[in-house]
N, C-alpha and C. Protein backbone atom coordinates (compact mmCIF):
# COMPACT_ATOMS: atom_id res chain seq x y z
N LEU A 1 -18.44 23.69 76.64
CA LEU A 1 -17.53 23.79 75.52
C LEU A 1 -17.63 25.21 75.00
N SER A 2 -16.55 25.93 75.01
CA SER A 2 -16.62 27.33 74.59
C SER A 2 -15.79 27.58 73.35
N GLU A 3 -16.17 28.61 72.64
CA GLU A 3 -15.47 29.07 71.44
C GLU A 3 -15.19 27.92 70.48
N CYS A 4 -16.24 27.34 69.95
CA CYS A 4 -16.09 26.26 68.99
C CYS A 4 -16.76 26.65 67.68
N GLY A 5 -16.39 25.97 66.63
CA GLY A 5 -16.89 26.29 65.30
C GLY A 5 -15.85 27.10 64.56
N GLY A 6 -16.15 28.34 64.30
CA GLY A 6 -15.17 29.22 63.70
C GLY A 6 -15.00 29.04 62.20
N TYR A 7 -16.08 28.84 61.48
CA TYR A 7 -16.01 28.69 60.03
C TYR A 7 -16.07 30.06 59.37
N THR A 8 -15.14 30.33 58.48
CA THR A 8 -14.95 31.66 57.91
C THR A 8 -15.59 31.77 56.52
N LEU A 9 -16.56 32.67 56.41
CA LEU A 9 -17.17 32.97 55.12
C LEU A 9 -17.19 34.48 54.96
N ALA A 10 -16.39 34.97 54.00
CA ALA A 10 -16.33 36.40 53.72
C ALA A 10 -17.43 36.77 52.74
N ILE A 11 -18.17 37.83 53.06
CA ILE A 11 -19.22 38.33 52.18
C ILE A 11 -18.79 39.73 51.71
N LYS A 12 -18.49 39.84 50.45
CA LYS A 12 -18.00 41.10 49.88
C LYS A 12 -18.95 42.25 50.20
N ASP A 13 -18.37 43.39 50.50
CA ASP A 13 -19.09 44.63 50.81
C ASP A 13 -19.82 44.60 52.16
N HIS A 14 -19.56 43.57 52.97
CA HIS A 14 -20.18 43.48 54.29
C HIS A 14 -19.14 43.19 55.37
N MET A 15 -17.89 43.58 55.10
CA MET A 15 -16.80 43.31 56.02
C MET A 15 -16.27 44.60 56.62
N PHE A 16 -15.72 44.51 57.82
CA PHE A 16 -15.12 45.65 58.50
C PHE A 16 -13.88 46.15 57.77
N SER A 17 -13.07 45.21 57.29
CA SER A 17 -11.84 45.56 56.58
C SER A 17 -11.55 44.51 55.52
N LYS A 18 -10.45 44.64 54.84
CA LYS A 18 -10.08 43.66 53.82
C LYS A 18 -9.37 42.45 54.42
N ARG A 19 -8.98 42.56 55.68
CA ARG A 19 -8.34 41.43 56.36
C ARG A 19 -9.38 40.36 56.63
N LYS A 20 -8.96 39.11 56.48
CA LYS A 20 -9.90 37.99 56.67
C LYS A 20 -9.30 36.98 57.63
N PHE A 21 -9.71 37.05 58.89
CA PHE A 21 -9.23 36.10 59.87
C PHE A 21 -10.30 35.08 60.16
N GLY A 22 -9.88 33.84 60.27
CA GLY A 22 -10.77 32.77 60.65
C GLY A 22 -10.03 31.46 60.71
N TYR A 23 -10.68 30.43 61.19
CA TYR A 23 -10.03 29.14 61.39
C TYR A 23 -10.14 28.23 60.17
N LYS A 24 -11.33 28.14 59.61
CA LYS A 24 -11.56 27.25 58.48
C LYS A 24 -12.33 28.02 57.41
N LYS A 25 -11.75 28.18 56.24
CA LYS A 25 -12.40 28.95 55.17
C LYS A 25 -13.50 28.11 54.51
N ILE A 26 -14.64 28.76 54.27
CA ILE A 26 -15.82 28.13 53.70
C ILE A 26 -16.13 28.80 52.36
N LYS A 27 -16.62 28.02 51.40
CA LYS A 27 -16.89 28.53 50.05
C LYS A 27 -18.16 29.36 49.92
N ASN A 28 -19.25 28.90 50.57
CA ASN A 28 -20.54 29.55 50.39
C ASN A 28 -21.47 29.23 51.57
N SER A 29 -22.65 29.81 51.53
CA SER A 29 -23.61 29.64 52.63
C SER A 29 -24.02 28.19 52.84
N ASP A 30 -24.25 27.47 51.76
CA ASP A 30 -24.65 26.06 51.89
C ASP A 30 -23.55 25.25 52.56
N ASP A 31 -22.30 25.53 52.19
CA ASP A 31 -21.16 24.83 52.79
C ASP A 31 -21.06 25.16 54.28
N LEU A 32 -21.34 26.41 54.64
CA LEU A 32 -21.31 26.81 56.05
C LEU A 32 -22.34 26.03 56.87
N VAL A 33 -23.55 25.91 56.35
CA VAL A 33 -24.59 25.15 57.04
C VAL A 33 -24.18 23.68 57.15
N GLU A 34 -23.64 23.12 56.09
CA GLU A 34 -23.22 21.71 56.11
C GLU A 34 -22.11 21.48 57.12
N LYS A 35 -21.13 22.37 57.17
CA LYS A 35 -20.03 22.22 58.14
C LYS A 35 -20.57 22.32 59.57
N TYR A 36 -21.52 23.22 59.80
CA TYR A 36 -22.12 23.35 61.13
C TYR A 36 -22.86 22.06 61.50
N LYS A 37 -23.59 21.50 60.54
CA LYS A 37 -24.33 20.26 60.79
C LYS A 37 -23.37 19.12 61.16
N VAL A 38 -22.31 18.98 60.41
CA VAL A 38 -21.32 17.94 60.70
C VAL A 38 -20.70 18.17 62.08
N PHE A 39 -20.40 19.43 62.40
CA PHE A 39 -19.86 19.77 63.71
C PHE A 39 -20.81 19.32 64.83
N VAL A 40 -22.08 19.63 64.69
CA VAL A 40 -23.06 19.25 65.72
C VAL A 40 -23.16 17.73 65.81
N GLU A 41 -23.25 17.06 64.67
CA GLU A 41 -23.41 15.60 64.68
C GLU A 41 -22.19 14.86 65.21
N LYS A 42 -21.00 15.34 64.88
CA LYS A 42 -19.78 14.61 65.25
C LYS A 42 -19.15 15.07 66.56
N ASP A 43 -19.34 16.34 66.91
CA ASP A 43 -18.66 16.85 68.10
C ASP A 43 -19.60 17.15 69.28
N ILE A 44 -20.79 17.61 68.99
CA ILE A 44 -21.70 17.99 70.08
C ILE A 44 -22.54 16.80 70.55
N LEU A 45 -23.29 16.19 69.66
CA LEU A 45 -24.21 15.12 70.06
C LEU A 45 -23.52 13.98 70.82
N PRO A 46 -22.39 13.45 70.34
CA PRO A 46 -21.76 12.35 71.08
C PRO A 46 -21.29 12.76 72.48
N ASN A 47 -20.94 14.01 72.65
CA ASN A 47 -20.41 14.46 73.94
C ASN A 47 -21.50 14.78 74.96
N ILE A 48 -22.73 14.89 74.53
CA ILE A 48 -23.84 15.08 75.48
C ILE A 48 -23.94 13.86 76.39
N LYS A 49 -23.75 12.68 75.79
CA LYS A 49 -23.79 11.43 76.58
C LYS A 49 -22.66 11.38 77.60
N LYS A 50 -21.59 12.13 77.34
CA LYS A 50 -20.43 12.14 78.23
C LYS A 50 -20.49 13.29 79.24
N GLY A 51 -21.61 14.05 79.22
CA GLY A 51 -21.78 15.10 80.21
C GLY A 51 -21.77 16.52 79.68
N LEU A 52 -21.59 16.71 78.39
CA LEU A 52 -21.63 18.07 77.83
C LEU A 52 -23.00 18.67 78.08
N SER A 53 -23.04 19.85 78.66
CA SER A 53 -24.33 20.46 78.99
C SER A 53 -24.58 21.75 78.21
N ALA A 54 -23.57 22.26 77.53
CA ALA A 54 -23.75 23.49 76.74
C ALA A 54 -22.53 23.70 75.85
N PHE A 55 -22.72 24.48 74.79
CA PHE A 55 -21.58 24.89 73.98
C PHE A 55 -21.82 26.30 73.48
N ILE A 56 -20.74 26.99 73.21
CA ILE A 56 -20.81 28.36 72.71
C ILE A 56 -20.18 28.39 71.33
N TYR A 57 -21.02 28.66 70.34
CA TYR A 57 -20.52 28.72 68.97
C TYR A 57 -19.86 30.08 68.73
N THR A 58 -18.73 30.06 68.10
CA THR A 58 -18.03 31.29 67.71
C THR A 58 -18.33 31.55 66.26
N GLN A 59 -18.95 32.52 65.91
CA GLN A 59 -19.62 33.49 66.73
C GLN A 59 -20.91 33.88 66.04
N LEU A 60 -21.82 34.54 66.70
CA LEU A 60 -23.09 34.90 66.07
C LEU A 60 -22.87 35.84 64.89
N SER A 61 -22.06 36.88 65.09
CA SER A 61 -21.79 37.82 63.99
C SER A 61 -20.30 38.03 63.84
N ASP A 62 -19.89 38.45 62.65
CA ASP A 62 -18.50 38.79 62.42
C ASP A 62 -18.10 39.91 63.36
N VAL A 63 -16.84 39.89 63.78
CA VAL A 63 -16.32 40.91 64.68
C VAL A 63 -15.05 41.47 64.04
N GLU A 64 -15.17 42.67 63.50
CA GLU A 64 -14.06 43.34 62.82
C GLU A 64 -13.41 42.39 61.83
N ASP A 65 -12.16 41.97 62.03
CA ASP A 65 -11.48 41.13 61.04
C ASP A 65 -11.82 39.65 61.13
N GLU A 66 -12.53 39.25 62.17
CA GLU A 66 -12.92 37.85 62.32
C GLU A 66 -14.23 37.60 61.56
N LEU A 67 -14.17 36.70 60.60
CA LEU A 67 -15.32 36.43 59.72
C LEU A 67 -15.96 35.09 60.03
N ASN A 68 -16.06 34.76 61.32
CA ASN A 68 -16.59 33.48 61.76
C ASN A 68 -18.07 33.49 62.10
N GLY A 69 -18.75 34.58 61.86
CA GLY A 69 -20.14 34.70 62.27
C GLY A 69 -21.14 34.11 61.30
N PHE A 70 -22.35 33.92 61.81
CA PHE A 70 -23.49 33.54 60.96
C PHE A 70 -24.09 34.79 60.31
N ILE A 71 -23.73 35.97 60.84
CA ILE A 71 -24.22 37.25 60.34
C ILE A 71 -23.00 38.14 60.09
N THR A 72 -23.08 38.99 59.07
CA THR A 72 -21.96 39.87 58.77
C THR A 72 -21.76 40.95 59.82
N TYR A 73 -20.60 41.57 59.80
CA TYR A 73 -20.24 42.62 60.75
C TYR A 73 -21.27 43.75 60.77
N ASP A 74 -21.75 44.15 59.60
CA ASP A 74 -22.72 45.25 59.52
C ASP A 74 -24.16 44.81 59.81
N ARG A 75 -24.34 43.54 60.10
CA ARG A 75 -25.65 42.95 60.42
C ARG A 75 -26.66 43.05 59.27
N GLN A 76 -26.15 43.21 58.05
CA GLN A 76 -27.02 43.37 56.89
C GLN A 76 -27.23 42.08 56.11
N TYR A 77 -26.41 41.06 56.38
CA TYR A 77 -26.48 39.83 55.59
C TYR A 77 -26.39 38.63 56.52
N ILE A 78 -27.37 37.76 56.47
CA ILE A 78 -27.34 36.50 57.23
C ILE A 78 -26.73 35.45 56.32
N LYS A 79 -25.63 34.87 56.76
CA LYS A 79 -24.83 33.96 55.94
C LYS A 79 -25.42 32.56 55.83
N VAL A 80 -26.33 32.22 56.70
CA VAL A 80 -26.87 30.86 56.75
C VAL A 80 -28.38 30.87 56.54
N ASN A 81 -28.88 29.73 56.13
CA ASN A 81 -30.33 29.55 56.06
C ASN A 81 -30.81 29.33 57.49
N GLU A 82 -31.59 30.27 57.99
CA GLU A 82 -32.01 30.23 59.39
C GLU A 82 -32.81 28.97 59.74
N LYS A 83 -33.66 28.53 58.86
CA LYS A 83 -34.46 27.32 59.10
C LYS A 83 -33.55 26.10 59.25
N SER A 84 -32.52 26.04 58.42
CA SER A 84 -31.59 24.91 58.50
C SER A 84 -30.87 24.89 59.83
N ILE A 85 -30.43 26.04 60.30
CA ILE A 85 -29.74 26.12 61.60
C ILE A 85 -30.71 25.74 62.72
N GLU A 86 -31.94 26.19 62.61
CA GLU A 86 -32.96 25.85 63.61
C GLU A 86 -33.18 24.33 63.66
N GLU A 87 -33.24 23.69 62.49
CA GLU A 87 -33.42 22.24 62.43
C GLU A 87 -32.22 21.50 63.04
N ILE A 88 -31.03 21.97 62.71
CA ILE A 88 -29.82 21.34 63.26
C ILE A 88 -29.80 21.50 64.77
N ASN A 89 -30.09 22.69 65.25
CA ASN A 89 -30.10 22.93 66.70
C ASN A 89 -31.19 22.11 67.39
N GLY A 90 -32.25 21.78 66.66
CA GLY A 90 -33.31 20.94 67.22
C GLY A 90 -32.87 19.52 67.50
N LEU A 91 -31.75 19.10 66.91
CA LEU A 91 -31.21 17.76 67.17
C LEU A 91 -30.59 17.67 68.56
N ILE A 92 -30.26 18.83 69.13
CA ILE A 92 -29.54 18.87 70.40
C ILE A 92 -30.53 18.76 71.55
N LYS A 93 -30.41 17.71 72.31
CA LYS A 93 -31.29 17.47 73.46
C LYS A 93 -30.39 17.17 74.65
N TYR A 94 -30.46 18.01 75.67
CA TYR A 94 -29.64 17.79 76.87
C TYR A 94 -30.43 17.03 77.89
């Protein structure tokens, strides 16, 4: 499964430009973690039983006008609680 997720969280003063592209706008860091958790629980875990062997989250860091990353474009701000993401990813067993 490639290019999935795509939750948009803009962090002021850490963006490439004023343009804000993304698929689903998120209010804050806690909401981003919660949306990721729901995504893993509802879309990833059930599909492992059906043969899903990997997925690629879009994206690790923001890329110019795309604000879908867990880290800002300038790599100065981590948008998510790292421990929470680690715990969520720990649910995934192939």
